Amino acid sequence: MGALFEPEEQHFSPALMRSTVVIATCLVLLALLEAWVWLTLSSPFARVSVTGSMIVTAVSFFIAGNTFRLRDIRRRVGNRARAGRIAPIDALSILPPRETIARRFMLGAIGAIVGVGTLVLTMFFAGDETEGAREAMVASVLGIVTAMLCFVGGTFARPID
């Protein structure tokens, strides 16, 4: 069909975009934001804190979004098996178990909570800095926005097993 589409057999439902495009877009957004942080923030505390938090938050949000996609695909395959379009044993053999999906989502959620919490704490503690407080606050907010975009990207990407 085109450069932005994948064949259906690769992920059990029509893909919206190629996974490499989505993942590359998330990485480029994160790299640009990290470069901006290192160029604008003068405080070493804020620089390191925001950089680490943004990476953890963006990756965790991507994993959580990707797990939502995997859960949706599992549900669709289960519906096809219940409708008799595919054999139930085939449905079970191609999908990870529910426990795996739950653990992946838990991993993404815990990382997202820790990352966002650190970004919010950085916003509060940056107010005590003599210079660069505004930039640290802006960087923290942009880090949270980038993480949300990575969550959406995770829902568009092919599930990563």
C-alpha atoms as a PDB file:
ATOM      1  CA  MET A   1       0.000   0.000   0.000  1.00  0.00           C
ATOM      2  CA  GLY A   2       2.692   2.449   0.856  1.00  0.00           C
ATOM      3  CA  ALA A   3       5.719   3.202   2.966  1.00  0.00           C
ATOM      4  CA  LEU A   4       3.696   3.870   6.123  1.00  0.00           C
ATOM      5  CA  PHE A   5       1.756   0.591   6.243  1.00  0.00           C
ATOM      6  CA  GLU A   6       2.605  -2.943   7.370  1.00  0.00           C
ATOM      7  CA  PRO A   7       1.027  -6.199   6.225  1.00  0.00           C
ATOM      8  CA  GLU A   8      -1.752  -7.439   8.502  1.00  0.00           C
ATOM      9  CA  GLU A   9      -0.086 -10.754   9.328  1.00  0.00           C
ATOM     10  CA  GLN A  10       2.697  -8.917  11.153  1.00  0.00           C
ATOM     11  CA  HIS A  11       0.490  -7.804  14.024  1.00  0.00           C
ATOM     12  CA  PHE A  12      -3.008  -9.289  13.678  1.00  0.00           C
ATOM     13  CA  SER A  13      -4.775  -5.998  12.912  1.00  0.00           C
ATOM     14  CA  PRO A  14      -4.311  -3.216  10.359  1.00  0.00           C
ATOM     15  CA  ALA A  15      -1.320  -1.086  11.242  1.00  0.00           C
ATOM     16  CA  LEU A  16      -1.704   2.646  11.231  1.00  0.00           C
ATOM     17  CA  MET A  17       1.955   3.406  10.619  1.00  0.00           C
ATOM     18  CA  ARG A  18       5.253   1.591  10.469  1.00  0.00           C
ATOM     19  CA  SER A  19       6.664   1.002  13.909  1.00  0.00           C
ATOM     20  CA  THR A  20      10.105   2.282  12.952  1.00  0.00           C
ATOM     21  CA  VAL A  21       8.624   5.644  11.950  1.00  0.00           C
ATOM     22  CA  VAL A  22       6.804   5.964  15.271  1.00  0.00           C
ATOM     23  CA  ILE A  23       9.774   4.882  17.376  1.00  0.00           C
ATOM     24  CA  ALA A  24      12.155   7.129  15.416  1.00  0.00           C
ATOM     25  CA  THR A  25       9.783  10.074  15.872  1.00  0.00           C
ATOM     26  CA  CYS A  26       9.656   9.507  19.634  1.00  0.00           C
ATOM     27  CA  LEU A  27      13.444   9.232  19.819  1.00  0.00           C
ATOM     28  CA  VAL A  28      13.970  12.383  17.741  1.00  0.00           C
ATOM     29  CA  LEU A  29      11.531  14.353  19.917  1.00  0.00           C
ATOM     30  CA  LEU A  30      13.284  13.139  23.044  1.00  0.00           C
ATOM     31  CA  ALA A  31      16.752  13.867  21.622  1.00  0.00           C
ATOM     32  CA  LEU A  32      15.765  17.401  20.614  1.00  0.00           C
ATOM     33  CA  LEU A  33      14.314  18.061  24.040  1.00  0.00           C
ATOM     34  CA  GLU A  34      17.397  16.632  25.767  1.00  0.00           C
ATOM     35  CA  ALA A  35      19.670  18.802  23.616  1.00  0.00           C
ATOM     36  CA  TRP A  36      17.592  21.861  24.472  1.00  0.00           C
ATOM     37  CA  VAL A  37      17.839  20.995  28.189  1.00  0.00           C
ATOM     38  CA  TRP A  38      21.623  20.645  28.064  1.00  0.00           C
ATOM     39  CA  LEU A  39      22.000  23.900  26.138  1.00  0.00           C
ATOM     40  CA  THR A  40      19.656  26.060  28.227  1.00  0.00           C
ATOM     41  CA  LEU A  41      19.882  24.819  31.805  1.00  0.00           C
ATOM     42  CA  SER A  42      22.863  26.060  33.764  1.00  0.00           C
ATOM     43  CA  SER A  43      22.175  24.191  36.997  1.00  0.00           C
ATOM     44  CA  PRO A  44      23.829  20.755  37.049  1.00  0.00           C
ATOM     45  CA  PHE A  45      21.134  19.461  39.433  1.00  0.00           C
ATOM     46  CA  ALA A  46      18.298  20.463  37.130  1.00  0.00           C
ATOM     47  CA  ARG A  47      20.143  19.289  34.028  1.00  0.00           C
ATOM     48  CA  VAL A  48      20.789  15.768  35.303  1.00  0.00           C
ATOM     49  CA  SER A  49      17.441  15.440  37.042  1.00  0.00           C
ATOM     50  CA  VAL A  50      15.399  16.558  34.052  1.00  0.00           C
ATOM     51  CA  THR A  51      17.440  14.520  31.573  1.00  0.00           C
ATOM     52  CA  GLY A  52      17.151  11.252  33.493  1.00  0.00           C
ATOM     53  CA  SER A  53      13.509  11.801  34.337  1.00  0.00           C
ATOM     54  CA  MET A  54      12.552  12.568  30.751  1.00  0.00           C
ATOM     55  CA  ILE A  55      14.200   9.413  29.446  1.00  0.00           C
ATOM     56  CA  VAL A  56      12.597   7.181  32.092  1.00  0.00           C
ATOM     57  CA  THR A  57       9.197   8.828  31.645  1.00  0.00           C
ATOM     58  CA  ALA A  58       9.175   8.686  27.849  1.00  0.00           C
ATOM     59  CA  VAL A  59      10.270   5.039  27.689  1.00  0.00           C
ATOM     60  CA  SER A  60       7.780   4.033  30.383  1.00  0.00           C
ATOM     61  CA  PHE A  61       4.929   5.840  28.661  1.00  0.00           C
ATOM     62  CA  PHE A  62       5.853   4.188  25.357  1.00  0.00           C
ATOM     63  CA  ILE A  63       5.813   0.749  27.012  1.00  0.00           C
ATOM     64  CA  ALA A  64       2.425   1.472  28.600  1.00  0.00           C
ATOM     65  CA  GLY A  65       0.956   2.628  25.283  1.00  0.00           C
ATOM     66  CA  ASN A  66       2.414  -0.331  23.462  1.00  0.00           C
ATOM     67  CA  THR A  67       0.914  -2.661  26.064  1.00  0.00           C
ATOM     68  CA  PHE A  68      -2.508  -1.121  25.454  1.00  0.00           C
ATOM     69  CA  ARG A  69      -2.051  -1.966  21.784  1.00  0.00           C
ATOM     70  CA  LEU A  70      -1.058  -5.535  22.662  1.00  0.00           C
ATOM     71  CA  ARG A  71      -4.076  -5.900  24.960  1.00  0.00           C
ATOM     72  CA  ASP A  72      -6.368  -4.664  22.192  1.00  0.00           C
ATOM     73  CA  ILE A  73      -4.887  -7.126  19.714  1.00  0.00           C
ATOM     74  CA  ARG A  74      -5.288  -9.953  22.228  1.00  0.00           C
ATOM     75  CA  ARG A  75      -8.950  -9.030  22.628  1.00  0.00           C
ATOM     76  CA  ARG A  76      -9.493  -8.948  18.848  1.00  0.00           C
ATOM     77  CA  VAL A  77      -7.870 -12.337  18.338  1.00  0.00           C
ATOM     78  CA  GLY A  78      -9.947 -13.749  21.211  1.00  0.00           C
ATOM     79  CA  ASN A  79     -13.117 -12.409  19.594  1.00  0.00           C
ATOM     80  CA  ARG A  80     -12.129 -14.013  16.285  1.00  0.00           C
ATOM     81  CA  ALA A  81     -11.525 -17.344  18.064  1.00  0.00           C
ATOM     82  CA  ARG A  82     -14.884 -17.169  19.875  1.00  0.00           C
ATOM     83  CA  ALA A  83     -16.613 -16.388  16.583  1.00  0.00           C
ATOM     84  CA  GLY A  84     -15.022 -19.492  15.055  1.00  0.00           C
ATOM     85  CA  ARG A  85     -12.930 -17.680  12.449  1.00  0.00           C
ATOM     86  CA  ILE A  86      -9.704 -19.157  13.823  1.00  0.00           C
ATOM     87  CA  ALA A  87      -8.963 -22.182  15.982  1.00  0.00           C
ATOM     88  CA  PRO A  88      -8.718 -21.388  19.715  1.00  0.00           C
ATOM     89  CA  ILE A  89      -5.390 -23.196  19.993  1.00  0.00           C
ATOM     90  CA  ASP A  90      -3.985 -20.990  17.236  1.00  0.00           C
ATOM     91  CA  ALA A  91      -5.150 -17.904  19.102  1.00  0.00           C
ATOM     92  CA  LEU A  92      -3.392 -19.021  22.272  1.00  0.00           C
ATOM     93  CA  SER A  93      -0.186 -19.910  20.474  1.00  0.00           C
ATOM     94  CA  ILE A  94       0.339 -16.493  18.876  1.00  0.00           C
ATOM     95  CA  LEU A  95      -0.337 -14.193  21.826  1.00  0.00           C
ATOM     96  CA  PRO A  96       1.395 -13.646  25.150  1.00  0.00           C
ATOM     97  CA  PRO A  97      -0.573 -14.584  28.287  1.00  0.00           C
ATOM     98  CA  ARG A  98      -2.599 -12.022  30.246  1.00  0.00           C
ATOM     99  CA  GLU A  99      -0.074 -12.082  33.088  1.00  0.00           C
ATOM    100  CA  THR A 100       2.659 -10.929  30.737  1.00  0.00           C
ATOM    101  CA  ILE A 101       0.514  -8.043  29.534  1.00  0.00           C
ATOM    102  CA  ALA A 102      -0.362  -7.086  33.123  1.00  0.00           C
ATOM    103  CA  ARG A 103       3.311  -7.131  34.165  1.00  0.00           C
ATOM    104  CA  ARG A 104       4.339  -5.047  31.162  1.00  0.00           C
ATOM    105  CA  PHE A 105       1.690  -2.467  31.948  1.00  0.00           C
ATOM    106  CA  MET A 106       2.711  -2.442  35.620  1.00  0.00           C
ATOM    107  CA  LEU A 107       6.335  -1.859  34.596  1.00  0.00           C
ATOM    108  CA  GLY A 108       5.322   1.029  32.324  1.00  0.00           C
ATOM    109  CA  ALA A 109       2.995   2.542  34.930  1.00  0.00           C
ATOM    110  CA  ILE A 110       5.559   2.420  37.743  1.00  0.00           C
ATOM    111  CA  GLY A 111       8.238   3.954  35.528  1.00  0.00           C
ATOM    112  CA  ALA A 112       5.815   6.658  34.393  1.00  0.00           C
ATOM    113  CA  ILE A 113       4.832   7.512  37.967  1.00  0.00           C
ATOM    114  CA  VAL A 114       8.462   7.701  39.089  1.00  0.00           C
ATOM    115  CA  GLY A 115       9.480   9.766  36.048  1.00  0.00           C
ATOM    116  CA  VAL A 116       6.583  12.223  36.250  1.00  0.00           C
ATOM    117  CA  GLY A 117       7.042  12.493  40.013  1.00  0.00           C
ATOM    118  CA  THR A 118      10.696  13.364  39.546  1.00  0.00           C
ATOM    119  CA  LEU A 119       9.849  15.947  36.876  1.00  0.00           C
ATOM    120  CA  VAL A 120       7.254  17.541  39.162  1.00  0.00           C
ATOM    121  CA  LEU A 121       9.712  17.586  42.072  1.00  0.00           C
ATOM    122  CA  THR A 122      12.292  19.162  39.779  1.00  0.00           C
ATOM    123  CA  MET A 123       9.791  21.894  38.952  1.00  0.00           C
ATOM    124  CA  PHE A 124       9.286  22.624  42.650  1.00  0.00           C
ATOM    125  CA  PHE A 125      12.955  22.484  43.620  1.00  0.00           C
ATOM    126  CA  ALA A 126      14.035  24.525  40.589  1.00  0.00           C
ATOM    127  CA  GLY A 127      12.264  27.498  42.132  1.00  0.00           C
ATOM    128  CA  ASP A 128      15.019  27.599  44.754  1.00  0.00           C
ATOM    129  CA  GLU A 129      17.746  27.969  42.118  1.00  0.00           C
ATOM    130  CA  THR A 130      19.112  31.456  41.571  1.00  0.00           C
ATOM    131  CA  GLU A 131      19.144  31.159  37.787  1.00  0.00           C
ATOM    132  CA  GLY A 132      17.530  28.825  35.282  1.00  0.00           C
ATOM    133  CA  ALA A 133      14.402  28.148  37.347  1.00  0.00           C
ATOM    134  CA  ARG A 134      12.028  29.059  34.545  1.00  0.00           C
ATOM    135  CA  GLU A 135      13.896  26.914  32.020  1.00  0.00           C
ATOM    136  CA  ALA A 136      13.839  23.931  34.396  1.00  0.00           C
ATOM    137  CA  MET A 137      10.102  24.303  34.867  1.00  0.00           C
ATOM    138  CA  VAL A 138       9.510  24.583  31.128  1.00  0.00           C
ATOM    139  CA  ALA A 139      11.755  21.574  30.481  1.00  0.00           C
ATOM    140  CA  SER A 140       9.818  19.506  33.030  1.00  0.00           C
ATOM    141  CA  VAL A 141       6.488  20.368  31.428  1.00  0.00           C
ATOM    142  CA  LEU A 142       7.864  19.660  27.946  1.00  0.00           C
ATOM    143  CA  GLY A 143       9.212  16.336  29.235  1.00  0.00           C
ATOM    144  CA  ILE A 144       5.737  15.347  30.409  1.00  0.00           C
ATOM    145  CA  VAL A 145       4.227  16.408  27.069  1.00  0.00           C
ATOM    146  CA  THR A 146       6.866  14.413  25.171  1.00  0.00           C
ATOM    147  CA  ALA A 147       6.116  11.388  27.343  1.00  0.00           C
ATOM    148  CA  MET A 148       2.423  11.685  26.500  1.00  0.00           C
ATOM    149  CA  LEU A 149       3.291  11.809  22.800  1.00  0.00           C
ATOM    150  CA  CYS A 150       5.414   8.673  23.285  1.00  0.00           C
ATOM    151  CA  PHE A 151       2.399   6.999  24.921  1.00  0.00           C
ATOM    152  CA  VAL A 152       0.333   7.777  21.832  1.00  0.00           C
ATOM    153  CA  GLY A 153       3.206   6.564  19.674  1.00  0.00           C
ATOM    154  CA  GLY A 154       3.264   3.317  21.638  1.00  0.00           C
ATOM    155  CA  THR A 155      -0.401   2.750  20.846  1.00  0.00           C
ATOM    156  CA  PHE A 156       0.300   3.244  17.139  1.00  0.00           C
ATOM    157  CA  ALA A 157       3.395   1.033  17.008  1.00  0.00           C
ATOM    158  CA  ARG A 158       3.369  -2.705  16.411  1.00  0.00           C
ATOM    159  CA  PRO A 159       3.431  -4.495  19.793  1.00  0.00           C
ATOM    160  CA  ILE A 160       6.974  -5.184  20.893  1.00  0.00           C
ATOM    161  CA  ASP A 161       7.300  -8.660  22.360  1.00  0.00           C
END
